[in-house]
């Protein structure tokens, strides 16, 4: 789980950086509280920039795509362990 833990923020930060540099998303003008939902905090923090909202959703999707295979492998491993334990009980 170390790989996605390191890779997902790097990819998201790169997407965000380049989208601001290319003018696809507005720069942050205010800081929003950290528990603000994805997209809403960026929309408010950028002064209502729709591009920033879209980029935030793209970053969340990129992080999901990076994390999903690792979570699926871990889930499969736990499932196999659970099935082996159930067979041992019977």
PDB file of N, CA and C in Angstrom:
ATOM      1  N   UNK A   1       0.813  -1.202   0.000  1.00  0.00           N
ATOM      2  CA  UNK A   1       0.000   0.000   0.000  1.00  0.00           C
ATOM      3  C   UNK A   1       0.858   1.268   0.000  1.00  0.00           C
ATOM      4  N   UNK A   2       2.155   1.099   0.062  1.00  0.00           N
ATOM      5  CA  UNK A   2       3.041   2.259   0.048  1.00  0.00           C
ATOM      6  C   UNK A   2       3.042   2.940  -1.318  1.00  0.00           C
ATOM      7  N   UNK A   3       2.982   2.150  -2.377  1.00  0.00           N
ATOM      8  CA  UNK A   3       3.052   2.713  -3.731  1.00  0.00           C
ATOM      9  C   UNK A   3       1.902   3.689  -3.998  1.00  0.00           C
ATOM     10  N   UNK A   4       0.640   3.297  -3.800  1.00  0.00           N
ATOM     11  CA  UNK A   4      -0.424   4.270  -4.067  1.00  0.00           C
ATOM     12  C   UNK A   4      -0.438   5.415  -3.055  1.00  0.00           C
ATOM     13  N   UNK A   5       0.022   5.138  -1.837  1.00  0.00           N
ATOM     14  CA  UNK A   5       0.079   6.179  -0.809  1.00  0.00           C
ATOM     15  C   UNK A   5       1.007   7.313  -1.235  1.00  0.00           C
ATOM     16  N   UNK A   6       2.072   6.967  -1.945  1.00  0.00           N
ATOM     17  CA  UNK A   6       3.026   7.972  -2.425  1.00  0.00           C
ATOM     18  C   UNK A   6       2.626   8.490  -3.807  1.00  0.00           C
ATOM     19  N   UNK A   7       2.188   7.595  -4.685  1.00  0.00           N
ATOM     20  CA  UNK A   7       1.922   7.956  -6.073  1.00  0.00           C
ATOM     21  C   UNK A   7       0.667   8.815  -6.264  1.00  0.00           C
ATOM     22  N   UNK A   8      -0.418   8.503  -5.575  1.00  0.00           N
ATOM     23  CA  UNK A   8      -1.677   9.233  -5.782  1.00  0.00           C
ATOM     24  C   UNK A   8      -1.554  10.731  -5.490  1.00  0.00           C
ATOM     25  N   UNK A   9      -0.950  11.150  -4.369  1.00  0.00           N
ATOM     26  CA  UNK A   9      -0.807  12.593  -4.146  1.00  0.00           C
ATOM     27  C   UNK A   9       0.112  13.275  -5.159  1.00  0.00           C
ATOM     28  N   UNK A  10       1.147  12.555  -5.609  1.00  0.00           N
ATOM     29  CA  UNK A  10       2.053  13.138  -6.605  1.00  0.00           C
ATOM     30  C   UNK A  10       1.305  13.375  -7.914  1.00  0.00           C
ATOM     31  N   UNK A  11       0.527  12.401  -8.340  1.00  0.00           N
ATOM     32  CA  UNK A  11      -0.240  12.538  -9.581  1.00  0.00           C
ATOM     33  C   UNK A  11      -1.286  13.642  -9.443  1.00  0.00           C
ATOM     34  N   UNK A  12      -2.000  13.662  -8.325  1.00  0.00           N
ATOM     35  CA  UNK A  12      -3.021  14.693  -8.117  1.00  0.00           C
ATOM     36  C   UNK A  12      -2.412  16.088  -8.075  1.00  0.00           C
ATOM     37  N   UNK A  13      -1.296  16.227  -7.387  1.00  0.00           N
ATOM     38  CA  UNK A  13      -0.634  17.534  -7.320  1.00  0.00           C
ATOM     39  C   UNK A  13      -0.137  17.962  -8.694  1.00  0.00           C
ATOM     40  N   UNK A  14       0.370  17.014  -9.472  1.00  0.00           N
ATOM     41  CA  UNK A  14       0.837  17.333 -10.823  1.00  0.00           C
ATOM     42  C   UNK A  14      -0.313  17.771 -11.721  1.00  0.00           C
ATOM     43  N   UNK A  15      -1.426  17.064 -11.638  1.00  0.00           N
ATOM     44  CA  UNK A  15      -2.604  17.447 -12.421  1.00  0.00           C
ATOM     45  C   UNK A  15      -3.059  18.850 -12.024  1.00  0.00           C
ATOM     46  N   UNK A  16      -3.135  19.105 -10.731  1.00  0.00           N
ATOM     47  CA  UNK A  16      -3.547  20.423 -10.255  1.00  0.00           C
ATOM     48  C   UNK A  16      -2.592  21.523 -10.670  1.00  0.00           C
ATOM     49  N   UNK A  17      -1.303  21.267 -10.523  1.00  0.00           N
ATOM     50  CA  UNK A  17      -0.295  22.270 -10.880  1.00  0.00           C
ATOM     51  C   UNK A  17      -0.381  22.629 -12.358  1.00  0.00           C
ATOM     52  N   UNK A  18      -0.392  21.605 -13.206  1.00  0.00           N
ATOM     53  CA  UNK A  18      -0.398  21.869 -14.643  1.00  0.00           C
ATOM     54  C   UNK A  18      -1.712  22.468 -15.114  1.00  0.00           C
ATOM     55  N   UNK A  19      -2.805  22.126 -14.473  1.00  0.00           N
ATOM     56  CA  UNK A  19      -4.080  22.731 -14.875  1.00  0.00           C
ATOM     57  C   UNK A  19      -4.110  24.217 -14.536  1.00  0.00           C
ATOM     58  N   UNK A  20      -3.502  24.610 -13.427  1.00  0.00           N
ATOM     59  CA  UNK A  20      -3.417  26.037 -13.085  1.00  0.00           C
ATOM     60  C   UNK A  20      -2.448  26.740 -14.031  1.00  0.00           C
ATOM     61  N   UNK A  21      -1.298  26.120 -14.296  1.00  0.00           N
ATOM     62  CA  UNK A  21      -0.305  26.729 -15.187  1.00  0.00           C
ATOM     63  C   UNK A  21      -0.837  26.902 -16.612  1.00  0.00           C
ATOM     64  N   UNK A  22      -1.660  25.974 -17.060  1.00  0.00           N
ATOM     65  CA  UNK A  22      -2.221  26.045 -18.407  1.00  0.00           C
ATOM     66  C   UNK A  22      -3.501  26.870 -18.472  1.00  0.00           C
ATOM     67  N   UNK A  23      -3.961  27.359 -17.326  1.00  0.00           N
ATOM     68  CA  UNK A  23      -5.152  28.199 -17.292  1.00  0.00           C
ATOM     69  C   UNK A  23      -6.467  27.442 -17.315  1.00  0.00           C
ATOM     70  N   UNK A  24      -6.431  26.141 -17.068  1.00  0.00           N
ATOM     71  CA  UNK A  24      -7.657  25.349 -17.047  1.00  0.00           C
ATOM     72  C   UNK A  24      -8.416  25.502 -15.738  1.00  0.00           C
ATOM     73  N   UNK A  25      -7.712  25.849 -14.685  1.00  0.00           N
ATOM     74  CA  UNK A  25      -8.324  26.017 -13.362  1.00  0.00           C
ATOM     75  C   UNK A  25      -7.821  27.316 -12.752  1.00  0.00           C
ATOM     76  N   UNK A  26      -8.686  27.955 -11.973  1.00  0.00           N
ATOM     77  CA  UNK A  26      -8.295  29.196 -11.311  1.00  0.00           C
ATOM     78  C   UNK A  26      -7.424  28.936 -10.097  1.00  0.00           C
ATOM     79  N   UNK A  27      -6.647  29.927  -9.741  1.00  0.00           N
ATOM     80  CA  UNK A  27      -5.792  29.819  -8.562  1.00  0.00           C
ATOM     81  C   UNK A  27      -6.635  29.940  -7.297  1.00  0.00           C
ATOM     82  N   UNK A  28      -6.123  29.369  -6.221  1.00  0.00           N
ATOM     83  CA  UNK A  28      -6.808  29.454  -4.933  1.00  0.00           C
ATOM     84  C   UNK A  28      -6.738  30.888  -4.419  1.00  0.00           C
ATOM     85  N   UNK A  29      -7.887  31.386  -3.959  1.00  0.00           N
ATOM     86  CA  UNK A  29      -7.907  32.740  -3.406  1.00  0.00           C
ATOM     87  C   UNK A  29      -8.205  32.740  -1.913  1.00  0.00           C
ATOM     88  N   UNK A  30      -8.673  31.612  -1.410  1.00  0.00           N
ATOM     89  CA  UNK A  30      -8.955  31.480   0.017  1.00  0.00           C
ATOM     90  C   UNK A  30      -8.780  30.023   0.422  1.00  0.00           C
ATOM     91  N   UNK A  31      -8.559  29.810   1.694  1.00  0.00           N
ATOM     92  CA  UNK A  31      -8.400  28.450   2.201  1.00  0.00           C
ATOM     93  C   UNK A  31      -9.723  27.994   2.799  1.00  0.00           C
ATOM     94  N   UNK A  32     -10.144  26.800   2.437  1.00  0.00           N
ATOM     95  CA  UNK A  32     -11.378  26.243   2.986  1.00  0.00           C
ATOM     96  C   UNK A  32     -11.022  25.183   4.025  1.00  0.00           C
ATOM     97  N   UNK A  33     -11.925  24.893   4.955  1.00  0.00           N
ATOM     98  CA  UNK A  33     -11.646  23.859   5.963  1.00  0.00           C
ATOM     99  C   UNK A  33     -11.403  22.500   5.297  1.00  0.00           C
ATOM    100  N   UNK A  34     -10.499  21.713   5.866  1.00  0.00           N
ATOM    101  CA  UNK A  34     -10.120  20.440   5.250  1.00  0.00           C
ATOM    102  C   UNK A  34     -11.266  19.443   5.096  1.00  0.00           C
ATOM    103  N   UNK A  35     -12.299  19.426   5.965  1.00  0.00           N
ATOM    104  CA  UNK A  35     -13.340  18.412   5.742  1.00  0.00           C
ATOM    105  C   UNK A  35     -14.383  18.795   4.687  1.00  0.00           C
ATOM    106  N   UNK A  36     -14.185  19.919   4.000  1.00  0.00           N
ATOM    107  CA  UNK A  36     -15.126  20.321   2.956  1.00  0.00           C
ATOM    108  C   UNK A  36     -15.095  19.275   1.837  1.00  0.00           C
ATOM    109  N   UNK A  37     -16.260  18.838   1.350  1.00  0.00           N
ATOM    110  CA  UNK A  37     -16.300  17.784   0.329  1.00  0.00           C
ATOM    111  C   UNK A  37     -15.517  18.134  -0.941  1.00  0.00           C
ATOM    112  N   UNK A  38     -15.078  17.084  -1.627  1.00  0.00           N
ATOM    113  CA  UNK A  38     -14.320  17.248  -2.875  1.00  0.00           C
ATOM    114  C   UNK A  38     -15.143  18.083  -3.852  1.00  0.00           C
ATOM    115  N   UNK A  39     -14.505  19.005  -4.471  1.00  0.00           N
ATOM    116  CA  UNK A  39     -15.168  19.844  -5.463  1.00  0.00           C
ATOM    117  C   UNK A  39     -15.744  21.105  -4.873  1.00  0.00           C
ATOM    118  N   UNK A  40     -16.497  20.984  -3.794  1.00  0.00           N
ATOM    119  CA  UNK A  40     -17.118  22.160  -3.178  1.00  0.00           C
ATOM    120  C   UNK A  40     -16.055  23.066  -2.583  1.00  0.00           C
ATOM    121  N   UNK A  41     -15.115  22.489  -1.852  1.00  0.00           N
ATOM    122  CA  UNK A  41     -14.041  23.282  -1.258  1.00  0.00           C
ATOM    123  C   UNK A  41     -13.195  23.970  -2.315  1.00  0.00           C
ATOM    124  N   UNK A  42     -12.934  23.268  -3.409  1.00  0.00           N
ATOM    125  CA  UNK A  42     -12.142  23.847  -4.493  1.00  0.00           C
ATOM    126  C   UNK A  42     -12.927  24.955  -5.186  1.00  0.00           C
ATOM    127  N   UNK A  43     -14.208  24.728  -5.399  1.00  0.00           N
ATOM    128  CA  UNK A  43     -15.056  25.734  -6.049  1.00  0.00           C
ATOM    129  C   UNK A  43     -15.094  27.015  -5.220  1.00  0.00           C
ATOM    130  N   UNK A  44     -15.299  26.881  -3.921  1.00  0.00           N
ATOM    131  CA  UNK A  44     -15.336  28.049  -3.034  1.00  0.00           C
ATOM    132  C   UNK A  44     -13.949  28.669  -2.919  1.00  0.00           C
ATOM    133  N   UNK A  45     -12.933  27.840  -2.761  1.00  0.00           N
ATOM    134  CA  UNK A  45     -11.570  28.330  -2.582  1.00  0.00           C
ATOM    135  C   UNK A  45     -11.002  29.040  -3.794  1.00  0.00           C
ATOM    136  N   UNK A  46     -11.541  28.721  -4.976  1.00  0.00           N
ATOM    137  CA  UNK A  46     -11.050  29.367  -6.194  1.00  0.00           C
ATOM    138  C   UNK A  46     -11.930  30.534  -6.619  1.00  0.00           C
ATOM    139  N   UNK A  47     -12.886  30.885  -5.804  1.00  0.00           N
ATOM    140  CA  UNK A  47     -13.759  32.010  -6.143  1.00  0.00           C
ATOM    141  C   UNK A  47     -14.823  31.649  -7.158  1.00  0.00           C
ATOM    142  N   UNK A  48     -15.257  30.411  -7.157  1.00  0.00           N
ATOM    143  CA  UNK A  48     -16.329  29.987  -8.051  1.00  0.00           C
ATOM    144  C   UNK A  48     -15.868  29.580  -9.439  1.00  0.00           C
ATOM    145  N   UNK A  49     -14.652  29.119  -9.565  1.00  0.00           N
ATOM    146  CA  UNK A  49     -14.122  28.711 -10.863  1.00  0.00           C
ATOM    147  C   UNK A  49     -14.561  27.284 -11.173  1.00  0.00           C
ATOM    148  N   UNK A  50     -15.328  27.117 -12.247  1.00  0.00           N
ATOM    149  CA  UNK A  50     -15.826  25.793 -12.627  1.00  0.00           C
ATOM    150  C   UNK A  50     -14.678  24.871 -13.044  1.00  0.00           C
ATOM    151  N   UNK A  51     -13.671  25.425 -13.689  1.00  0.00           N
ATOM    152  CA  UNK A  51     -12.519  24.620 -14.105  1.00  0.00           C
ATOM    153  C   UNK A  51     -11.833  23.967 -12.923  1.00  0.00           C
ATOM    154  N   UNK A  52     -11.718  24.704 -11.828  1.00  0.00           N
ATOM    155  CA  UNK A  52     -11.100  24.145 -10.621  1.00  0.00           C
ATOM    156  C   UNK A  52     -11.940  22.992 -10.073  1.00  0.00           C
ATOM    157  N   UNK A  53     -13.251  23.129 -10.143  1.00  0.00           N
ATOM    158  CA  UNK A  53     -14.163  22.074  -9.701  1.00  0.00           C
ATOM    159  C   UNK A  53     -13.947  20.806 -10.529  1.00  0.00           C
ATOM    160  N   UNK A  54     -13.874  20.972 -11.837  1.00  0.00           N
ATOM    161  CA  UNK A  54     -13.678  19.827 -12.733  1.00  0.00           C
ATOM    162  C   UNK A  54     -12.316  19.175 -12.488  1.00  0.00           C
ATOM    163  N   UNK A  55     -11.289  19.982 -12.313  1.00  0.00           N
ATOM    164  CA  UNK A  55      -9.950  19.442 -12.053  1.00  0.00           C
ATOM    165  C   UNK A  55      -9.926  18.668 -10.733  1.00  0.00           C
ATOM    166  N   UNK A  56     -10.632  19.150  -9.724  1.00  0.00           N
ATOM    167  CA  UNK A  56     -10.699  18.434  -8.446  1.00  0.00           C
ATOM    168  C   UNK A  56     -11.344  17.063  -8.627  1.00  0.00           C
ATOM    169  N   UNK A  57     -12.385  16.993  -9.432  1.00  0.00           N
ATOM    170  CA  UNK A  57     -13.021  15.705  -9.699  1.00  0.00           C
ATOM    171  C   UNK A  57     -12.090  14.784 -10.487  1.00  0.00           C
ATOM    172  N   UNK A  58     -11.335  15.345 -11.419  1.00  0.00           N
ATOM    173  CA  UNK A  58     -10.368  14.551 -12.183  1.00  0.00           C
ATOM    174  C   UNK A  58      -9.275  14.016 -11.255  1.00  0.00           C
ATOM    175  N   UNK A  59      -8.814  14.838 -10.326  1.00  0.00           N
ATOM    176  CA  UNK A  59      -7.794  14.395  -9.366  1.00  0.00           C
ATOM    177  C   UNK A  59      -8.331  13.269  -8.483  1.00  0.00           C
ATOM    178  N   UNK A  60      -9.578  13.392  -8.045  1.00  0.00           N
ATOM    179  CA  UNK A  60     -10.182  12.340  -7.226  1.00  0.00           C
ATOM    180  C   UNK A  60     -10.309  11.044  -8.027  1.00  0.00           C
ATOM    181  N   UNK A  61     -10.686  11.160  -9.291  1.00  0.00           N
ATOM    182  CA  UNK A  61     -10.797   9.986 -10.151  1.00  0.00           C
ATOM    183  C   UNK A  61      -9.427   9.344 -10.382  1.00  0.00           C
ATOM    184  N   UNK A  62      -8.407  10.167 -10.589  1.00  0.00           N
ATOM    185  CA  UNK A  62      -7.047   9.647 -10.779  1.00  0.00           C
ATOM    186  C   UNK A  62      -6.578   8.899  -9.531  1.00  0.00           C
ATOM    187  N   UNK A  63      -6.843   9.453  -8.358  1.00  0.00           N
ATOM    188  CA  UNK A  63      -6.461   8.784  -7.113  1.00  0.00           C
ATOM    189  C   UNK A  63      -7.200   7.453  -6.962  1.00  0.00           C
ATOM    190  N   UNK A  64      -8.483   7.439  -7.330  1.00  0.00           N
ATOM    191  CA  UNK A  64      -9.256   6.201  -7.274  1.00  0.00           C
ATOM    192  C   UNK A  64      -8.657   5.146  -8.195  1.00  0.00           C
ATOM    193  N   UNK A  65      -8.307   5.543  -9.413  1.00  0.00           N
ATOM    194  CA  UNK A  65      -7.730   4.611 -10.389  1.00  0.00           C
ATOM    195  C   UNK A  65      -6.394   4.062  -9.888  1.00  0.00           C
ATOM    196  N   UNK A  66      -5.614   4.882  -9.218  1.00  0.00           N
ATOM    197  CA  UNK A  66      -4.326   4.430  -8.683  1.00  0.00           C
ATOM    198  C   UNK A  66      -4.535   3.477  -7.509  1.00  0.00           C
ATOM    199  N   UNK A  67      -5.447   3.796  -6.609  1.00  0.00           N
ATOM    200  CA  UNK A  67      -5.656   2.993  -5.405  1.00  0.00           C
ATOM    201  C   UNK A  67      -6.407   1.687  -5.671  1.00  0.00           C
ATOM    202  N   UNK A  68      -7.332   1.661  -6.625  1.00  0.00           N
ATOM    203  CA  UNK A  68      -8.239   0.528  -6.802  1.00  0.00           C
ATOM    204  C   UNK A  68      -7.540  -0.826  -6.961  1.00  0.00           C
ATOM    205  N   UNK A  69      -6.529  -0.966  -7.825  1.00  0.00           N
ATOM    206  CA  UNK A  69      -5.911  -2.296  -7.964  1.00  0.00           C
ATOM    207  C   UNK A  69      -5.284  -2.810  -6.667  1.00  0.00           C
ATOM    208  N   UNK A  70      -4.716  -1.918  -5.889  1.00  0.00           N
ATOM    209  CA  UNK A  70      -4.084  -2.325  -4.634  1.00  0.00           C
ATOM    210  C   UNK A  70      -5.133  -2.747  -3.607  1.00  0.00           C
ATOM    211  N   UNK A  71      -6.219  -2.019  -3.545  1.00  0.00           N
ATOM    212  CA  UNK A  71      -7.296  -2.377  -2.617  1.00  0.00           C
ATOM    213  C   UNK A  71      -7.941  -3.689  -3.050  1.00  0.00           C
ATOM    214  N   UNK A  72      -8.115  -3.875  -4.349  1.00  0.00           N
ATOM    215  CA  UNK A  72      -8.706  -5.114  -4.860  1.00  0.00           C
ATOM    216  C   UNK A  72      -7.811  -6.316  -4.545  1.00  0.00           C
ATOM    217  N   UNK A  73      -6.491  -6.168  -4.713  1.00  0.00           N
ATOM    218  CA  UNK A  73      -5.568  -7.265  -4.380  1.00  0.00           C
ATOM    219  C   UNK A  73      -5.630  -7.595  -2.890  1.00  0.00           C
ATOM    220  N   UNK A  74      -5.677  -6.578  -2.056  1.00  0.00           N
ATOM    221  CA  UNK A  74      -5.749  -6.792  -0.614  1.00  0.00           C
ATOM    222  C   UNK A  74      -7.067  -7.462  -0.238  1.00  0.00           C
ATOM    223  N   UNK A  75      -8.156  -7.045  -0.864  1.00  0.00           N
ATOM    224  CA  UNK A  75      -9.458  -7.643  -0.595  1.00  0.00           C
ATOM    225  C   UNK A  75      -9.470  -9.113  -1.007  1.00  0.00           C
ATOM    226  N   UNK A  76      -8.875  -9.413  -2.146  1.00  0.00           N
ATOM    227  CA  UNK A  76      -8.790 -10.801  -2.612  1.00  0.00           C
ATOM    228  C   UNK A  76      -7.980 -11.648  -1.641  1.00  0.00           C
ATOM    229  N   UNK A  77      -6.886 -11.096  -1.154  1.00  0.00           N
ATOM    230  CA  UNK A  77      -6.048 -11.808  -0.182  1.00  0.00           C
ATOM    231  C   UNK A  77      -6.842 -12.106   1.091  1.00  0.00           C
ATOM    232  N   UNK A  78      -7.553 -11.108   1.610  1.00  0.00           N
ATOM    233  CA  UNK A  78      -8.350 -11.319   2.819  1.00  0.00           C
ATOM    234  C   UNK A  78      -9.476 -12.319   2.581  1.00  0.00           C
ATOM    235  N   UNK A  79     -10.078 -12.283   1.401  1.00  0.00           N
ATOM    236  CA  UNK A  79     -11.151 -13.219   1.076  1.00  0.00           C
ATOM    237  C   UNK A  79     -10.628 -14.656   1.076  1.00  0.00           C
ATOM    238  N   UNK A  80      -9.458 -14.859   0.464  1.00  0.00           N
ATOM    239  CA  UNK A  80      -8.868 -16.205   0.435  1.00  0.00           C
ATOM    240  C   UNK A  80      -8.537 -16.690   1.841  1.00  0.00           C
ATOM    241  N   UNK A  81      -8.003 -15.799   2.675  1.00  0.00           N
ATOM    242  CA  UNK A  81      -7.709 -16.168   4.063  1.00  0.00           C
ATOM    243  C   UNK A  81      -8.986 -16.528   4.809  1.00  0.00           C
ATOM    244  N   UNK A  82     -10.038 -15.775   4.555  1.00  0.00           N
ATOM    245  CA  UNK A  82     -11.313 -16.040   5.216  1.00  0.00           C
ATOM    246  C   UNK A  82     -11.883 -17.385   4.771  1.00  0.00           C
ATOM    247  N   UNK A  83     -11.794 -17.693   3.486  1.00  0.00           N
ATOM    248  CA  UNK A  83     -12.297 -18.964   2.979  1.00  0.00           C
ATOM    249  C   UNK A  83     -11.473 -20.134   3.514  1.00  0.00           C
ATOM    250  N   UNK A  84     -10.153 -19.965   3.618  1.00  0.00           N
ATOM    251  CA  UNK A  84      -9.306 -21.019   4.186  1.00  0.00           C
ATOM    252  C   UNK A  84      -9.646 -21.244   5.650  1.00  0.00           C
ATOM    253  N   UNK A  85      -9.936 -20.191   6.373  1.00  0.00           N
ATOM    254  CA  UNK A  85     -10.329 -20.305   7.779  1.00  0.00           C
ATOM    255  C   UNK A  85     -11.670 -20.997   7.926  1.00  0.00           C
ATOM    256  N   UNK A  86     -12.595 -20.715   7.014  1.00  0.00           N
ATOM    257  CA  UNK A  86     -13.915 -21.341   7.062  1.00  0.00           C
ATOM    258  C   UNK A  86     -13.814 -22.831   6.754  1.00  0.00           C
ATOM    259  N   UNK A  87     -12.930 -23.205   5.834  1.00  0.00           N
ATOM    260  CA  UNK A  87     -12.740 -24.619   5.508  1.00  0.00           C
ATOM    261  C   UNK A  87     -12.109 -25.371   6.675  1.00  0.00           C
ATOM    262  N   UNK A  88     -11.220 -24.722   7.402  1.00  0.00           N
ATOM    263  CA  UNK A  88     -10.559 -25.361   8.541  1.00  0.00           C
ATOM    264  C   UNK A  88     -11.550 -25.628   9.669  1.00  0.00           C
ATOM    265  N   UNK A  89     -12.546 -24.774   9.804  1.00  0.00           N
ATOM    266  CA  UNK A  89     -13.546 -24.942  10.871  1.00  0.00           C
ATOM    267  C   UNK A  89     -14.458 -26.120  10.565  1.00  0.00           C
ATOM    268  N   UNK A  90     -14.783 -26.336   9.305  1.00  0.00           N
ATOM    269  CA  UNK A  90     -15.716 -27.412   8.935  1.00  0.00           C
ATOM    270  C   UNK A  90     -15.015 -28.694   8.949  1.00  0.00           C
TER     271      UNK A  90
END
